[in-house]
């Protein structure tokens, strides 16, 4: 999967937070700074799970607020 987002005007870096749901509890799976990239390829090691992610941007004024979460179900048809 390849989450992507629109660059915020004046942004110098973005931070992405990716979580998965296990038993109804959201757990952090990946967190990274992008260095200004607007997409990142990740391959979850689990199958048939709900995933959500959010992005925060850094400008010359510092880190801004997190975006709303984007949520989807990940299902790899080649894995059981």
C-alpha atoms as a PDB file:
ATOM      1  CA  UNK A   1       0.000   0.000   0.000  1.00  0.00           C
ATOM      2  CA  UNK A   2       1.146   3.519  -0.624  1.00  0.00           C
ATOM      3  CA  UNK A   3      -0.383   6.245   1.536  1.00  0.00           C
ATOM      4  CA  UNK A   4      -0.053   9.701  -0.015  1.00  0.00           C
ATOM      5  CA  UNK A   5      -1.030  13.209   1.031  1.00  0.00           C
ATOM      6  CA  UNK A   6      -1.048  16.758  -0.279  1.00  0.00           C
ATOM      7  CA  UNK A   7       1.924  18.900   0.716  1.00  0.00           C
ATOM      8  CA  UNK A   8       1.058  21.752   3.048  1.00  0.00           C
ATOM      9  CA  UNK A   9       2.215  25.179   1.847  1.00  0.00           C
ATOM     10  CA  UNK A  10       5.537  26.023   3.507  1.00  0.00           C
ATOM     11  CA  UNK A  11       6.040  22.468   4.773  1.00  0.00           C
ATOM     12  CA  UNK A  12       9.636  21.293   5.163  1.00  0.00           C
ATOM     13  CA  UNK A  13       8.872  17.829   6.580  1.00  0.00           C
ATOM     14  CA  UNK A  14       5.913  15.579   7.304  1.00  0.00           C
ATOM     15  CA  UNK A  15       5.468  12.959   9.980  1.00  0.00           C
ATOM     16  CA  UNK A  16       3.287   9.924   9.291  1.00  0.00           C
ATOM     17  CA  UNK A  17       1.683   7.748  11.966  1.00  0.00           C
ATOM     18  CA  UNK A  18       0.265   4.361  10.887  1.00  0.00           C
ATOM     19  CA  UNK A  19      -1.789   2.120  13.193  1.00  0.00           C
ATOM     20  CA  UNK A  20      -3.566  -1.235  12.935  1.00  0.00           C
ATOM     21  CA  UNK A  21      -6.554  -2.548  14.850  1.00  0.00           C
ATOM     22  CA  UNK A  22      -6.169  -5.706  16.900  1.00  0.00           C
ATOM     23  CA  UNK A  23      -9.131  -6.847  18.960  1.00  0.00           C
ATOM     24  CA  UNK A  24     -10.710  -3.403  18.642  1.00  0.00           C
ATOM     25  CA  UNK A  25      -7.596  -1.635  19.994  1.00  0.00           C
ATOM     26  CA  UNK A  26      -5.515   0.647  17.737  1.00  0.00           C
ATOM     27  CA  UNK A  27      -1.753   0.009  17.955  1.00  0.00           C
ATOM     28  CA  UNK A  28       1.134   1.939  16.403  1.00  0.00           C
ATOM     29  CA  UNK A  29       2.648   0.020  13.552  1.00  0.00           C
ATOM     30  CA  UNK A  30       4.917   2.574  11.821  1.00  0.00           C
ATOM     31  CA  UNK A  31       5.932   6.177  12.460  1.00  0.00           C
ATOM     32  CA  UNK A  32       8.356   8.099  10.269  1.00  0.00           C
ATOM     33  CA  UNK A  33       9.417  11.509   9.031  1.00  0.00           C
ATOM     34  CA  UNK A  34       9.256  11.902   5.279  1.00  0.00           C
ATOM     35  CA  UNK A  35      11.843  14.586   4.620  1.00  0.00           C
ATOM     36  CA  UNK A  36       9.327  16.346   2.370  1.00  0.00           C
ATOM     37  CA  UNK A  37       8.099  13.309   0.391  1.00  0.00           C
ATOM     38  CA  UNK A  38       4.330  13.116  -0.136  1.00  0.00           C
ATOM     39  CA  UNK A  39       3.944   9.330  -0.224  1.00  0.00           C
ATOM     40  CA  UNK A  40       5.465   6.232   1.343  1.00  0.00           C
ATOM     41  CA  UNK A  41       5.202   2.564   0.398  1.00  0.00           C
ATOM     42  CA  UNK A  42       4.625   0.207   3.325  1.00  0.00           C
ATOM     43  CA  UNK A  43       3.788  -3.482   3.340  1.00  0.00           C
ATOM     44  CA  UNK A  44       1.948  -4.647   6.473  1.00  0.00           C
ATOM     45  CA  UNK A  45       3.060  -8.046   7.746  1.00  0.00           C
ATOM     46  CA  UNK A  46      -0.487  -8.890   8.824  1.00  0.00           C
ATOM     47  CA  UNK A  47      -3.412  -9.685   6.568  1.00  0.00           C
ATOM     48  CA  UNK A  48      -7.127  -8.861   6.736  1.00  0.00           C
ATOM     49  CA  UNK A  49      -6.767  -6.008   9.219  1.00  0.00           C
ATOM     50  CA  UNK A  50      -8.002  -2.447   9.577  1.00  0.00           C
ATOM     51  CA  UNK A  51      -5.318   0.207   9.167  1.00  0.00           C
ATOM     52  CA  UNK A  52      -5.463   3.949   9.701  1.00  0.00           C
ATOM     53  CA  UNK A  53      -2.919   6.710   9.232  1.00  0.00           C
ATOM     54  CA  UNK A  54      -2.529  10.446   9.797  1.00  0.00           C
ATOM     55  CA  UNK A  55       0.002  13.105   8.792  1.00  0.00           C
ATOM     56  CA  UNK A  56       1.425  16.183  10.522  1.00  0.00           C
ATOM     57  CA  UNK A  57       3.439  18.898   8.741  1.00  0.00           C
ATOM     58  CA  UNK A  58       6.390  20.944   9.963  1.00  0.00           C
ATOM     59  CA  UNK A  59       6.884  24.512   8.769  1.00  0.00           C
ATOM     60  CA  UNK A  60       9.229  27.283   9.899  1.00  0.00           C
ATOM     61  CA  UNK A  61       6.753  27.867  12.767  1.00  0.00           C
ATOM     62  CA  UNK A  62       7.085  24.256  14.033  1.00  0.00           C
ATOM     63  CA  UNK A  63       4.877  21.172  13.895  1.00  0.00           C
ATOM     64  CA  UNK A  64       1.233  21.718  13.014  1.00  0.00           C
ATOM     65  CA  UNK A  65      -1.760  19.621  14.090  1.00  0.00           C
ATOM     66  CA  UNK A  66      -2.324  16.063  12.895  1.00  0.00           C
ATOM     67  CA  UNK A  67      -4.662  15.471   9.965  1.00  0.00           C
ATOM     68  CA  UNK A  68      -7.802  13.403  10.423  1.00  0.00           C
ATOM     69  CA  UNK A  69      -7.241   9.664  10.155  1.00  0.00           C
ATOM     70  CA  UNK A  70      -7.728   7.862   6.850  1.00  0.00           C
ATOM     71  CA  UNK A  71      -8.915   4.313   7.529  1.00  0.00           C
ATOM     72  CA  UNK A  72      -9.152   1.216   5.337  1.00  0.00           C
ATOM     73  CA  UNK A  73      -9.103  -2.575   5.447  1.00  0.00           C
ATOM     74  CA  UNK A  74      -5.899  -4.211   4.181  1.00  0.00           C
ATOM     75  CA  UNK A  75      -6.319  -7.601   2.566  1.00  0.00           C
ATOM     76  CA  UNK A  76      -3.567  -9.303   0.598  1.00  0.00           C
ATOM     77  CA  UNK A  77      -5.191 -11.927  -1.684  1.00  0.00           C
ATOM     78  CA  UNK A  78      -1.930 -13.889  -1.892  1.00  0.00           C
ATOM     79  CA  UNK A  79      -1.859 -14.520   1.887  1.00  0.00           C
ATOM     80  CA  UNK A  80      -4.375 -16.302   4.099  1.00  0.00           C
END
